[in-house]
Amino acid sequence: MAETRPAQGSAPILEFDPTRQAVIEPSVVIKPRDVPVCAVLCFFQDVIERVVREHHGREVMHLRSEIGDNPIYEIQYRDRRLAIVHPGVGAPLAAGFLEELIALGCRAFVAAGGAGVLVPELAMGHVIVPTAAIRDEGTSYHYLPPGREVEADAVSVAAIVATLERHKVPFVMGKTWTTDALYRETRIKVEQRVAEGCLAVEMEAAACFAVASFRGVPFGQLLYAGDDLSGEQWDNRDWIGHASGREKLFWLAAESVLALGQ
């Protein structure tokens, strides 16, 4: 059978190739290891350090990049094994680490991170459950055909919502805007994203949703409302210092992913 070539588009990023086998396939270069099935991808390094210290976590192994070693930790939580990993910042690195975790043997994921809010009614720390992500980054286009957005896994969203409702945590559901360029979030683009239903902006969700869809694993996301882009002037709101909210989000993610991994 003749080889099928991707159609030439106006830009290389639109030339999606559905071929399953890549030149560097994660499952070929990375062998499975004894890692927990369930993993929390936590964007908060301070929370990771505190949880690992207080819950007697151990380093199972580490992922590597030119930034350095990125540990995979394991703790016991509710008599279950739970992996904790910082997924890096930005779509390409987060997607690459997610690929490697899948190849190692992790099979269910919930990410906990922060996001800039695009609508003024979202107070600091309010929990956001993304139902879809606008694909204003590059990585997702290598996993799915070109399209404006990618939906979150419905089973993962349901597990997260059940956890939040069980703990009576107020939350909102809606789209997020995933972009590669944090310094190019212009007022016009913010208004466009709000018009199509986006509540927040971040840098990884669309890519992770796409990787998970391509590999057939459940992946959900929990975000907390951080800095505010809804007004005329950006408001930092000291969102990185919101320590209690960040750790609370981690434990909600942990409970959700254990439900997914059953």
Protein backbone atom coordinates (compact mmCIF):
# COMPACT_ATOMS: atom_id res chain seq x y z
CA MET A 1 0.00 0.00 0.00
CA ALA A 2 1.31 3.43 -0.91
CA GLU A 3 2.34 5.67 1.96
CA THR A 4 -0.21 8.33 2.83
CA ARG A 5 1.26 11.81 3.12
CA PRO A 6 -0.38 14.55 5.16
CA ALA A 7 -2.10 17.21 3.09
CA GLN A 8 -0.09 20.39 2.65
CA GLY A 9 -1.67 23.27 4.55
CA SER A 10 -0.98 26.98 4.66
CA ALA A 11 1.29 26.39 7.66
CA PRO A 12 3.20 23.28 8.77
CA ILE A 13 1.27 23.06 12.02
CA LEU A 14 -1.89 22.30 10.00
CA GLU A 15 -0.30 19.30 8.28
CA PHE A 16 -1.58 16.69 10.71
CA ASP A 17 -0.20 13.18 10.15
CA PRO A 18 -2.39 10.45 11.73
CA THR A 19 0.41 7.85 11.60
CA ARG A 20 0.50 6.13 15.00
CA GLN A 21 4.17 5.20 14.98
CA ALA A 22 6.60 8.09 15.49
CA VAL A 23 10.31 8.06 14.78
CA ILE A 24 10.90 8.22 18.55
CA GLU A 25 8.08 6.22 20.14
CA PRO A 26 7.86 6.57 23.97
CA SER A 27 6.94 2.92 24.50
CA VAL A 28 10.05 1.83 22.59
CA VAL A 29 12.64 4.05 24.28
CA ILE A 30 11.05 3.95 27.76
CA LYS A 31 10.43 0.64 29.44
CA PRO A 32 7.59 0.18 31.98
CA ARG A 33 8.57 0.53 35.62
CA ASP A 34 6.92 -0.13 38.96
CA VAL A 35 5.13 3.20 39.22
CA PRO A 36 1.70 4.01 40.64
CA VAL A 37 -1.22 3.77 38.21
CA CYS A 38 -2.65 7.09 39.43
CA ALA A 39 -0.73 10.35 39.13
CA VAL A 40 -1.31 13.94 40.17
CA LEU A 41 0.46 16.40 37.91
CA CYS A 42 0.98 19.29 40.30
CA PHE A 43 2.20 22.64 38.99
CA PHE A 44 3.00 23.89 42.50
CA GLN A 45 6.55 22.97 43.51
CA ASP A 46 6.04 24.25 47.06
CA VAL A 47 3.03 21.98 47.51
CA ILE A 48 4.90 18.97 46.13
CA GLU A 49 7.76 19.49 48.57
CA ARG A 50 5.42 19.90 51.54
CA VAL A 51 3.25 16.89 50.69
CA VAL A 52 6.24 14.63 50.08
CA ARG A 53 7.86 15.73 53.33
CA GLU A 54 4.75 15.43 55.50
CA HIS A 55 3.54 12.15 53.99
CA HIS A 56 6.89 10.39 53.92
CA GLY A 57 7.03 10.28 50.16
CA ARG A 58 9.85 8.62 48.30
CA GLU A 59 11.43 9.31 44.94
CA VAL A 60 10.64 6.42 42.61
CA MET A 61 12.71 7.70 39.70
CA HIS A 62 12.97 10.91 37.72
CA LEU A 63 12.22 12.32 34.31
CA ARG A 64 14.97 14.23 32.58
CA SER A 65 15.20 17.37 30.48
CA GLU A 66 17.86 20.02 29.89
CA ILE A 67 16.38 21.87 32.87
CA GLY A 68 17.56 18.98 35.04
CA ASP A 69 16.07 15.98 36.82
CA ASN A 70 12.34 16.04 37.52
CA PRO A 71 11.47 13.57 40.33
CA ILE A 72 8.55 11.17 40.30
CA TYR A 73 7.45 10.85 43.91
CA GLU A 74 5.20 8.25 45.48
CA ILE A 75 3.09 8.53 48.60
CA GLN A 76 0.51 6.30 50.21
CA TYR A 77 -2.89 7.98 50.22
CA ARG A 78 -6.04 6.22 51.36
CA ASP A 79 -4.16 2.92 51.22
CA ARG A 80 -3.38 3.47 47.56
CA ARG A 81 -0.18 4.30 45.71
CA LEU A 82 -0.15 7.82 44.28
CA ALA A 83 2.47 9.37 42.02
CA ILE A 84 3.22 13.08 42.22
CA VAL A 85 5.05 14.85 39.41
CA HIS A 86 5.64 18.44 38.40
CA PRO A 87 4.65 18.48 34.70
CA GLY A 88 6.86 21.40 33.77
CA VAL A 89 5.62 24.70 32.40
CA GLY A 90 4.31 25.10 28.87
CA ALA A 91 2.58 22.72 26.50
CA PRO A 92 5.60 20.98 24.88
CA LEU A 93 7.30 20.03 28.14
CA ALA A 94 4.08 19.00 29.89
CA ALA A 95 3.04 16.87 26.92
CA GLY A 96 6.45 15.23 26.74
CA PHE A 97 6.45 14.38 30.45
CA LEU A 98 2.89 13.05 30.15
CA GLU A 99 3.98 10.78 27.28
CA GLU A 100 6.86 9.45 29.38
CA LEU A 101 4.65 8.81 32.41
CA ILE A 102 2.22 6.84 30.26
CA ALA A 103 5.09 4.79 28.85
CA LEU A 104 6.35 4.11 32.38
CA GLY A 105 2.98 2.73 33.44
CA CYS A 106 0.85 5.54 34.88
CA ARG A 107 -2.70 5.21 33.57
CA ALA A 108 -4.88 7.92 35.15
CA PHE A 109 -4.07 11.61 35.57
CA VAL A 110 -5.49 14.71 37.17
CA ALA A 111 -3.55 17.98 36.98
CA ALA A 112 -3.73 20.73 39.59
CA GLY A 113 -2.66 24.19 38.52
CA GLY A 114 -3.43 27.88 38.48
CA ALA A 115 -4.83 30.06 35.71
CA GLY A 116 -5.43 33.67 34.87
CA VAL A 117 -9.10 34.59 34.98
CA LEU A 118 -10.80 36.26 32.04
CA VAL A 119 -14.10 37.11 33.77
CA PRO A 120 -14.29 39.41 36.82
CA GLU A 121 -16.67 37.30 38.91
CA LEU A 122 -14.05 34.62 39.60
CA ALA A 123 -12.53 35.53 42.94
CA MET A 124 -9.02 34.45 43.96
CA GLY A 125 -8.88 30.71 44.58
CA HIS A 126 -12.22 29.85 42.99
CA VAL A 127 -12.04 26.34 41.49
CA ILE A 128 -12.41 25.95 37.73
CA VAL A 129 -13.04 22.61 35.98
CA PRO A 130 -12.16 22.92 32.27
CA THR A 131 -14.59 21.15 29.97
CA ALA A 132 -12.64 22.09 26.83
CA ALA A 133 -9.55 24.05 25.85
CA ILE A 134 -9.05 26.49 22.99
CA ARG A 135 -6.01 25.26 21.06
CA ASP A 136 -3.92 28.43 20.81
CA GLU A 137 -0.69 26.43 21.24
CA GLY A 138 1.24 24.14 18.94
CA THR A 139 1.59 20.77 20.64
CA SER A 140 -2.00 19.54 20.35
CA TYR A 141 -1.86 19.82 16.54
CA HIS A 142 0.58 16.91 16.44
CA TYR A 143 -1.90 14.65 18.26
CA LEU A 144 -5.26 15.65 16.79
CA PRO A 145 -6.45 17.04 13.45
CA PRO A 146 -6.59 20.85 13.28
CA GLY A 147 -9.52 22.31 15.16
CA ARG A 148 -10.40 25.24 17.35
CA GLU A 149 -10.74 23.36 20.61
CA VAL A 150 -10.31 19.98 22.29
CA GLU A 151 -12.76 18.59 24.80
CA ALA A 152 -11.74 17.30 28.20
CA ASP A 153 -12.31 13.63 28.92
CA ALA A 154 -15.91 13.33 30.15
CA VAL A 155 -15.18 10.52 32.61
CA SER A 156 -12.37 12.55 34.19
CA VAL A 157 -14.55 15.65 34.45
CA ALA A 158 -17.28 13.59 36.13
CA ALA A 159 -14.82 12.19 38.68
CA ILE A 160 -13.56 15.68 39.51
CA VAL A 161 -17.07 17.11 39.81
CA ALA A 162 -18.12 14.25 42.11
CA THR A 163 -15.15 14.97 44.38
CA LEU A 164 -15.88 18.70 44.51
CA GLU A 165 -19.55 18.11 45.25
CA ARG A 166 -18.71 15.56 47.95
CA HIS A 167 -16.60 18.19 49.73
CA LYS A 168 -19.06 21.02 48.98
CA VAL A 169 -16.38 23.02 47.17
CA PRO A 170 -17.83 25.81 45.01
CA PHE A 171 -16.68 25.54 41.40
CA VAL A 172 -17.44 26.60 37.85
CA MET A 173 -17.16 24.62 34.63
CA GLY A 174 -16.25 25.99 31.23
CA LYS A 175 -13.62 26.45 28.58
CA THR A 176 -10.03 27.49 29.13
CA TRP A 177 -7.71 29.22 26.67
CA THR A 178 -4.37 27.46 26.23
CA THR A 179 -1.68 29.70 24.78
CA ASP A 180 2.08 29.42 24.36
CA ALA A 181 2.75 33.13 24.75
CA LEU A 182 2.01 34.57 28.19
CA TYR A 183 3.34 37.97 27.07
CA ARG A 184 1.07 38.09 24.01
CA GLU A 185 -2.30 37.85 25.72
CA THR A 186 -3.63 41.04 24.15
CA ARG A 187 -6.85 42.80 25.09
CA ILE A 188 -8.39 41.90 21.71
CA LYS A 189 -7.56 38.22 22.18
CA VAL A 190 -8.92 38.22 25.73
CA GLU A 191 -12.20 39.66 24.47
CA GLN A 192 -12.36 37.07 21.68
CA ARG A 193 -11.77 34.19 24.09
CA VAL A 194 -14.40 35.47 26.52
CA ALA A 195 -16.89 35.77 23.66
CA GLU A 196 -16.46 32.07 22.90
CA GLY A 197 -16.92 31.02 26.49
CA CYS A 198 -13.45 30.92 28.06
CA LEU A 199 -13.22 31.50 31.79
CA ALA A 200 -9.46 31.27 32.18
CA VAL A 201 -6.11 31.21 30.41
CA GLU A 202 -3.21 28.82 30.98
CA MET A 203 -0.45 27.11 28.98
CA GLU A 204 -0.91 23.32 29.06
CA ALA A 205 -4.49 22.01 29.12
CA ALA A 206 -5.12 21.69 25.37
CA ALA A 207 -1.88 19.78 24.83
CA CYS A 208 -2.49 17.41 27.74
CA PHE A 209 -6.09 16.78 26.69
CA ALA A 210 -4.82 15.95 23.19
CA VAL A 211 -2.05 13.61 24.35
CA ALA A 212 -4.44 11.79 26.67
CA SER A 213 -6.99 11.40 23.89
CA PHE A 214 -4.35 10.08 21.50
CA ARG A 215 -3.00 7.58 24.04
CA GLY A 216 -6.40 6.56 25.40
CA VAL A 217 -5.89 7.48 29.05
CA PRO A 218 -8.15 9.56 31.33
CA PHE A 219 -6.87 13.05 32.08
CA GLY A 220 -8.67 15.78 33.99
CA GLN A 221 -7.70 19.26 35.12
CA LEU A 222 -8.38 21.33 38.21
CA LEU A 223 -7.51 25.02 38.10
CA TYR A 224 -7.77 27.72 40.71
CA ALA A 225 -8.50 31.32 39.79
CA GLY A 226 -5.25 33.24 39.99
CA ASP A 227 -4.28 36.56 38.45
CA ASP A 228 -6.99 38.68 36.82
CA LEU A 229 -6.88 39.67 33.13
CA SER A 230 -10.51 40.78 32.95
CA GLY A 231 -9.98 44.47 33.69
CA GLU A 232 -8.21 47.27 31.89
CA GLN A 233 -5.08 46.60 33.94
CA TRP A 234 -3.64 43.21 34.82
CA ASP A 235 -4.03 42.37 38.50
CA ASN A 236 -1.49 39.91 39.90
CA ARG A 237 -3.60 39.38 43.06
CA ASP A 238 -0.52 37.74 44.62
CA TRP A 239 -1.89 34.47 43.27
CA ILE A 240 1.35 32.52 43.71
CA GLY A 241 1.17 33.20 47.44
CA HIS A 242 -2.23 31.52 47.79
CA ALA A 243 -0.65 28.57 49.63
CA SER A 244 -3.71 27.08 51.35
CA GLY A 245 -5.77 27.09 48.17
CA ARG A 246 -3.00 25.44 46.19
CA GLU A 247 -2.60 22.55 48.62
CA LYS A 248 -6.36 22.08 48.87
CA LEU A 249 -6.50 21.78 45.10
CA PHE A 250 -3.79 19.12 45.21
CA TRP A 251 -5.78 16.91 47.59
CA LEU A 252 -8.93 17.33 45.51
CA ALA A 253 -6.92 16.20 42.49
CA ALA A 254 -5.54 13.24 44.46
CA GLU A 255 -8.98 12.04 45.48
CA SER A 256 -10.30 12.49 41.94
CA VAL A 257 -7.52 10.53 40.26
CA LEU A 258 -7.84 7.62 42.69
CA ALA A 259 -11.48 7.38 41.68
CA LEU A 260 -10.43 7.38 38.03
CA GLY A 261 -7.83 4.68 38.56
CA GLN A 262 -10.12 2.14 40.20
